[in-house]
Amino acid sequence: MLTLIQAAARLEPHLGRVNPINWLADTRRAKSYYRDLGVKPPVPVIHDRRLHYTEEEIERVIAELKAVKSGR
């Protein structure tokens, strides 16, 4: 499992100008510009009262971000 910081580090090159930590931590998905990415965010796993992400979820998001970018 990846911590929030580790997941953000993997996603940063693929998110462009979006701050990966803010995007991952916005669990309510309140910000419309996060929805505009066109990618379903990874589902967090709460462990020790902290957000963690599985490597499979992060890889899925990276693949979706690449697909969205290539489709534009």
C-alpha atoms as a PDB file:
ATOM      1  CA  MET A   1       0.000   0.000   0.000  1.00  0.00           C
ATOM      2  CA  LEU A   2       1.130   3.508  -0.784  1.00  0.00           C
ATOM      3  CA  THR A   3       0.826   6.490   1.510  1.00  0.00           C
ATOM      4  CA  LEU A   4      -0.732   9.713   0.299  1.00  0.00           C
ATOM      5  CA  ILE A   5       2.703  11.217  -0.394  1.00  0.00           C
ATOM      6  CA  GLN A   6       3.934   8.149  -2.304  1.00  0.00           C
ATOM      7  CA  ALA A   7       0.781   8.029  -4.414  1.00  0.00           C
ATOM      8  CA  ALA A   8       1.052  11.761  -5.134  1.00  0.00           C
ATOM      9  CA  ALA A   9       4.664  11.349  -6.231  1.00  0.00           C
ATOM     10  CA  ARG A  10       3.660   8.683  -8.748  1.00  0.00           C
ATOM     11  CA  LEU A  11       0.733  10.719 -10.083  1.00  0.00           C
ATOM     12  CA  GLU A  12       2.434  14.120 -10.272  1.00  0.00           C
ATOM     13  CA  PRO A  13       3.988  13.737 -13.749  1.00  0.00           C
ATOM     14  CA  HIS A  14       0.606  12.719 -15.180  1.00  0.00           C
ATOM     15  CA  LEU A  15      -1.653  15.348 -13.580  1.00  0.00           C
ATOM     16  CA  GLY A  16      -0.255  18.453 -15.213  1.00  0.00           C
ATOM     17  CA  ARG A  17      -1.024  21.579 -13.199  1.00  0.00           C
ATOM     18  CA  VAL A  18      -3.237  19.822 -10.667  1.00  0.00           C
ATOM     19  CA  ASN A  19      -1.692  19.413  -7.228  1.00  0.00           C
ATOM     20  CA  PRO A  20      -1.735  15.629  -6.649  1.00  0.00           C
ATOM     21  CA  ILE A  21      -1.926  15.846  -2.868  1.00  0.00           C
ATOM     22  CA  ASN A  22      -4.954  18.135  -2.983  1.00  0.00           C
ATOM     23  CA  TRP A  23      -6.601  15.948  -5.632  1.00  0.00           C
ATOM     24  CA  LEU A  24      -6.114  12.781  -3.607  1.00  0.00           C
ATOM     25  CA  ALA A  25      -7.078  14.359  -0.282  1.00  0.00           C
ATOM     26  CA  ASP A  26     -10.310  15.912  -1.598  1.00  0.00           C
ATOM     27  CA  THR A  27     -12.331  12.830  -0.705  1.00  0.00           C
ATOM     28  CA  ARG A  28     -15.623  14.705  -1.042  1.00  0.00           C
ATOM     29  CA  ARG A  29     -14.763  15.581  -4.665  1.00  0.00           C
ATOM     30  CA  ALA A  30     -16.055  19.099  -4.063  1.00  0.00           C
ATOM     31  CA  LYS A  31     -13.800  20.864  -6.541  1.00  0.00           C
ATOM     32  CA  SER A  32     -15.205  20.955 -10.056  1.00  0.00           C
ATOM     33  CA  TYR A  33     -11.808  21.306 -11.713  1.00  0.00           C
ATOM     34  CA  TYR A  34     -10.830  17.937 -10.253  1.00  0.00           C
ATOM     35  CA  ARG A  35     -13.862  16.408 -11.972  1.00  0.00           C
ATOM     36  CA  ASP A  36     -12.784  18.078 -15.210  1.00  0.00           C
ATOM     37  CA  LEU A  37      -9.795  15.740 -15.400  1.00  0.00           C
ATOM     38  CA  GLY A  38     -12.179  13.098 -16.727  1.00  0.00           C
ATOM     39  CA  VAL A  39     -10.686  10.397 -14.523  1.00  0.00           C
ATOM     40  CA  LYS A  40     -12.240   8.610 -11.594  1.00  0.00           C
ATOM     41  CA  PRO A  41      -9.937   9.223  -8.625  1.00  0.00           C
ATOM     42  CA  PRO A  42      -8.403   6.294  -6.764  1.00  0.00           C
ATOM     43  CA  VAL A  43     -10.373   4.836  -3.895  1.00  0.00           C
ATOM     44  CA  PRO A  44      -8.536   5.402  -0.632  1.00  0.00           C
ATOM     45  CA  VAL A  45      -8.054   2.744   2.011  1.00  0.00           C
ATOM     46  CA  ILE A  46      -8.183   4.104   5.543  1.00  0.00           C
ATOM     47  CA  HIS A  47      -5.385   2.566   7.568  1.00  0.00           C
ATOM     48  CA  ASP A  48      -4.359   3.914  10.963  1.00  0.00           C
ATOM     49  CA  ARG A  49      -6.655   6.899  10.326  1.00  0.00           C
ATOM     50  CA  ARG A  50      -4.624   7.851   7.258  1.00  0.00           C
ATOM     51  CA  LEU A  51      -5.320   7.643   3.566  1.00  0.00           C
ATOM     52  CA  HIS A  52      -3.510   4.889   1.691  1.00  0.00           C
ATOM     53  CA  TYR A  53      -3.876   3.666  -1.876  1.00  0.00           C
ATOM     54  CA  THR A  54      -3.245   0.304  -3.465  1.00  0.00           C
ATOM     55  CA  GLU A  55      -0.674   0.170  -6.224  1.00  0.00           C
ATOM     56  CA  GLU A  56      -3.317  -1.249  -8.563  1.00  0.00           C
ATOM     57  CA  GLU A  57      -5.545   1.813  -8.024  1.00  0.00           C
ATOM     58  CA  ILE A  58      -2.681   4.206  -8.757  1.00  0.00           C
ATOM     59  CA  GLU A  59      -1.694   2.282 -11.888  1.00  0.00           C
ATOM     60  CA  ARG A  60      -5.349   2.356 -13.050  1.00  0.00           C
ATOM     61  CA  VAL A  61      -5.485   6.124 -12.615  1.00  0.00           C
ATOM     62  CA  ILE A  62      -2.196   6.610 -14.480  1.00  0.00           C
ATOM     63  CA  ALA A  63      -3.483   4.477 -17.366  1.00  0.00           C
ATOM     64  CA  GLU A  64      -6.741   6.460 -17.466  1.00  0.00           C
ATOM     65  CA  LEU A  65      -4.872   9.790 -17.387  1.00  0.00           C
ATOM     66  CA  LYS A  66      -2.686   8.653 -20.298  1.00  0.00           C
ATOM     67  CA  ALA A  67      -5.771   7.556 -22.237  1.00  0.00           C
ATOM     68  CA  VAL A  68      -7.515  10.887 -21.646  1.00  0.00           C
ATOM     69  CA  LYS A  69      -4.422  12.847 -22.705  1.00  0.00           C
ATOM     70  CA  SER A  70      -3.954  10.806 -25.887  1.00  0.00           C
ATOM     71  CA  GLY A  71      -7.635  11.179 -26.753  1.00  0.00           C
ATOM     72  CA  ARG A  72      -7.457  14.988 -26.714  1.00  0.00           C
END
